[in-house]
Amino acid sequence: MPSLRALAATVLAVAATGAAGCHGREPPARSPEEAYLRLLDAADRGDPALLFDALDTPTQWAIETVHKAQREMRALVLDGAPPAERDRVLARTPAACEEALENPRRYFRRLDDSAPALAELKQRLYAGHGQPIGSARGAEGTAEVWREGGSIFRFTRDADGRWGFAELREPWERAKERALHELETARRNAALYHRATAAGEARP
């Protein structure tokens, strides 16, 4: 019986064959089992960018929102914030750098927490034994996938039929709310700072 890694390689090779002409990006996972194997491939390669690709759509959107909010905060403070605030924001958002053609996939790869999260997932993925992979679909586009005696992994399906790993959604939704709140604060502070600077320049 083939190993889990060999099974993943076979399934992903078939998927890649169907993705010809898609600029090297794999097509969306069309089953929770395929999404599980995408997760396994990310762990085997040790690449957080591939983990981003394997996440469910709401989690990806949350990460993209955090990324955009942090990039705007960096732009605001670089445009003219007091040195203390500028240094604080830049130190807290190093992954959201001003790189040309930036995207949330590369942002996720640069985050300090991404590699450890992937390593922890790899430990869980290789727990247990036996083939084949088991799965159980729930209501409203949810599913669980596991190996015999191993961890259970949760996946969800979006409106377009794409399946993705859902277990990072909750912390990233919280991060999104924090980032949007911090962005609003940064916008207010920037407006106040510019008004104060303009008033100072207008004085004789």
Protein backbone atom coordinates (compact mmCIF):
# COMPACT_ATOMS: atom_id res chain seq x y z
CA MET A 1 0.00 0.00 0.00
CA PRO A 2 1.48 3.42 -0.92
CA SER A 3 2.70 5.76 1.76
CA LEU A 4 0.81 8.96 2.56
CA ARG A 5 3.57 11.02 0.93
CA ALA A 6 3.45 8.88 -2.24
CA LEU A 7 -0.33 9.20 -2.34
CA ALA A 8 -0.06 12.97 -2.00
CA ALA A 9 2.51 13.15 -4.78
CA THR A 10 0.29 11.15 -7.10
CA VAL A 11 -2.84 13.18 -6.45
CA LEU A 12 -1.04 16.51 -6.71
CA ALA A 13 0.70 15.45 -9.92
CA VAL A 14 -2.68 14.72 -11.46
CA ALA A 15 -3.95 18.11 -10.28
CA ALA A 16 -0.91 19.86 -11.72
CA THR A 17 -1.48 18.18 -15.08
CA GLY A 18 -4.94 19.69 -15.17
CA ALA A 19 -3.51 23.10 -14.34
CA ALA A 20 -1.51 23.54 -17.55
CA GLY A 21 -1.66 27.13 -18.72
CA CYS A 22 -2.40 28.47 -15.22
CA HIS A 23 1.04 30.04 -14.71
CA GLY A 24 2.22 27.22 -12.44
CA ARG A 25 -0.48 27.71 -9.81
CA GLU A 26 -2.51 24.67 -8.87
CA PRO A 27 -6.26 24.72 -9.49
CA PRO A 28 -8.59 24.96 -6.48
CA ALA A 29 -9.01 21.83 -4.37
CA ARG A 30 -12.37 20.32 -5.31
CA SER A 31 -12.68 17.92 -2.36
CA PRO A 32 -11.68 17.99 1.31
CA GLU A 33 -9.37 15.03 0.66
CA GLU A 34 -7.54 16.98 -2.04
CA ALA A 35 -7.34 20.00 0.28
CA TYR A 36 -5.81 17.75 2.94
CA LEU A 37 -3.13 16.65 0.49
CA ARG A 38 -2.41 20.28 -0.39
CA LEU A 39 -1.85 20.87 3.30
CA LEU A 40 0.46 17.86 3.45
CA ASP A 41 2.42 19.14 0.46
CA ALA A 42 2.92 22.52 2.16
CA ALA A 43 4.20 20.77 5.29
CA ASP A 44 6.54 18.49 3.36
CA ARG A 45 8.02 21.43 1.47
CA GLY A 46 8.18 23.61 4.59
CA ASP A 47 6.77 26.55 2.64
CA PRO A 48 4.30 28.89 4.40
CA ALA A 49 3.27 30.32 1.01
CA LEU A 50 1.91 26.89 0.11
CA LEU A 51 0.15 26.81 3.48
CA PHE A 52 -1.52 30.09 2.51
CA ASP A 53 -2.68 28.46 -0.73
CA ALA A 54 -4.17 25.57 1.27
CA LEU A 55 -6.20 27.78 3.62
CA ASP A 56 -9.93 28.23 3.16
CA THR A 57 -11.14 31.36 1.40
CA PRO A 58 -12.36 33.31 4.48
CA THR A 59 -8.97 32.79 6.18
CA GLN A 60 -7.15 34.00 3.07
CA TRP A 61 -9.40 37.06 2.93
CA ALA A 62 -8.71 37.82 6.59
CA ILE A 63 -4.94 37.58 6.01
CA GLU A 64 -5.23 39.82 2.95
CA THR A 65 -7.19 42.39 4.97
CA VAL A 66 -4.55 42.41 7.72
CA HIS A 67 -1.84 42.81 5.10
CA LYS A 68 -3.58 45.73 3.37
CA ALA A 69 -4.30 47.45 6.69
CA GLN A 70 -0.69 47.13 7.82
CA ARG A 71 0.64 48.41 4.51
CA GLU A 72 -1.62 51.45 4.73
CA MET A 73 -0.48 52.08 8.32
CA ARG A 74 3.14 51.95 7.20
CA ALA A 75 2.41 54.37 4.36
CA LEU A 76 0.67 56.77 6.74
CA VAL A 77 3.52 56.92 9.23
CA LEU A 78 6.17 57.16 6.52
CA ASP A 79 4.26 60.07 5.00
CA GLY A 80 4.87 62.15 8.09
CA ALA A 81 4.23 60.85 11.58
CA PRO A 82 6.14 61.73 14.73
CA PRO A 83 9.32 59.62 14.94
CA ALA A 84 8.14 57.65 17.98
CA GLU A 85 4.88 56.59 16.33
CA ARG A 86 6.61 55.88 13.03
CA ASP A 87 9.20 53.63 14.66
CA ARG A 88 6.53 51.81 16.69
CA VAL A 89 4.36 51.02 13.65
CA LEU A 90 7.28 49.99 11.45
CA ALA A 91 8.64 47.70 14.16
CA ARG A 92 5.25 46.00 14.57
CA THR A 93 4.64 45.42 10.85
CA PRO A 94 7.96 44.28 9.34
CA ALA A 95 6.34 41.66 7.11
CA ALA A 96 4.15 44.27 5.39
CA CYS A 97 7.12 45.95 3.74
CA GLU A 98 6.88 48.36 0.81
CA GLU A 99 7.86 45.75 -1.76
CA ALA A 100 6.86 46.22 -5.39
CA LEU A 101 4.12 43.86 -6.58
CA GLU A 102 3.48 42.76 -3.02
CA ASN A 103 0.85 40.13 -2.28
CA PRO A 104 -0.53 38.47 0.86
CA ARG A 105 1.01 35.11 -0.05
CA ARG A 106 4.54 36.50 0.29
CA TYR A 107 3.45 38.49 3.35
CA PHE A 108 2.27 35.28 5.03
CA ARG A 109 5.58 33.59 4.21
CA ARG A 110 7.53 36.38 5.97
CA LEU A 111 5.52 36.30 9.19
CA ASP A 112 7.46 35.00 12.20
CA ASP A 113 4.59 32.74 13.26
CA SER A 114 4.03 31.04 9.90
CA ALA A 115 6.94 28.60 9.92
CA PRO A 116 6.27 27.33 13.47
CA ALA A 117 2.58 26.92 12.64
CA LEU A 118 3.50 24.86 9.60
CA ALA A 119 5.90 22.70 11.63
CA GLU A 120 3.17 22.01 14.20
CA LEU A 121 0.76 21.06 11.43
CA LYS A 122 3.34 18.66 9.99
CA GLN A 123 3.57 16.86 13.33
CA ARG A 124 -0.19 16.46 13.37
CA LEU A 125 -0.34 15.39 9.73
CA TYR A 126 2.10 12.54 10.33
CA ALA A 127 0.47 11.34 13.53
CA GLY A 128 -1.51 8.15 13.30
CA HIS A 129 -1.17 5.40 10.72
CA GLY A 130 -2.97 3.49 8.05
CA GLN A 131 -4.53 4.17 4.70
CA PRO A 132 -6.67 5.39 3.19
CA ILE A 133 -7.44 8.87 4.45
CA GLY A 134 -10.85 8.97 6.10
CA SER A 135 -13.31 11.85 5.78
CA ALA A 136 -16.75 12.90 6.90
CA ARG A 137 -18.73 15.75 5.37
CA GLY A 138 -20.85 17.96 7.57
CA ALA A 139 -23.58 20.48 6.86
CA GLU A 140 -23.11 23.64 4.81
CA GLY A 141 -19.82 22.83 3.12
CA THR A 142 -17.78 21.56 6.06
CA ALA A 143 -15.73 18.39 6.32
CA GLU A 144 -13.25 16.59 8.55
CA VAL A 145 -10.32 14.55 7.22
CA TRP A 146 -7.96 12.27 9.13
CA ARG A 147 -5.61 9.30 9.06
CA GLU A 148 -6.39 6.26 11.14
CA GLY A 149 -5.44 7.05 14.72
CA GLY A 150 -4.33 10.56 13.77
CA SER A 151 -5.50 14.14 14.19
CA ILE A 152 -8.72 15.42 12.67
CA PHE A 153 -8.41 18.39 10.29
CA ARG A 154 -11.31 20.71 9.49
CA PHE A 155 -12.01 22.05 5.98
CA THR A 156 -14.68 24.27 4.45
CA ARG A 157 -15.97 24.87 0.92
CA ASP A 158 -16.62 28.33 -0.50
CA ALA A 159 -19.39 29.40 -2.90
CA ASP A 160 -17.21 28.48 -5.90
CA GLY A 161 -16.66 24.93 -4.68
CA ARG A 162 -13.08 25.45 -3.45
CA TRP A 163 -12.08 23.51 -0.30
CA GLY A 164 -9.51 24.83 2.15
CA PHE A 165 -8.09 24.31 5.64
CA ALA A 166 -10.27 26.17 8.14
CA GLU A 167 -8.54 25.87 11.51
CA LEU A 168 -6.61 29.16 11.25
CA ARG A 169 -9.71 31.21 10.45
CA GLU A 170 -10.64 32.25 13.99
CA PRO A 171 -7.26 33.73 15.00
CA TRP A 172 -6.97 35.52 11.68
CA GLU A 173 -10.48 36.96 11.99
CA ARG A 174 -9.42 38.38 15.37
CA ALA A 175 -6.22 39.72 13.81
CA LYS A 176 -8.30 41.35 11.07
CA GLU A 177 -10.49 43.16 13.58
CA ARG A 178 -7.43 44.42 15.47
CA ALA A 179 -5.72 45.56 12.28
CA LEU A 180 -8.77 47.48 11.06
CA HIS A 181 -9.11 49.17 14.45
CA GLU A 182 -5.42 50.10 14.46
CA LEU A 183 -5.72 51.43 10.92
CA GLU A 184 -8.57 53.75 11.90
CA THR A 185 -6.48 55.02 14.81
CA ALA A 186 -3.52 55.57 12.49
CA ARG A 187 -5.71 57.50 10.05
CA ARG A 188 -7.01 59.77 12.81
CA ASN A 189 -3.52 60.34 14.18
CA ALA A 190 -2.18 61.14 10.72
CA ALA A 191 -4.96 63.66 10.10
CA LEU A 192 -4.35 65.33 13.46
CA TYR A 193 -0.61 65.45 12.85
CA HIS A 194 -0.99 67.01 9.41
CA ARG A 195 -3.46 69.62 10.73
CA ALA A 196 -1.10 70.50 13.59
CA THR A 197 1.83 70.76 11.19
CA ALA A 198 -0.14 72.96 8.79
CA ALA A 199 -1.28 75.22 11.65
CA GLY A 200 2.29 75.58 12.84
CA GLU A 201 3.51 76.51 9.38
CA ALA A 202 0.75 79.08 9.01
CA ARG A 203 1.79 80.99 12.11
CA PRO A 204 3.87 84.15 11.44
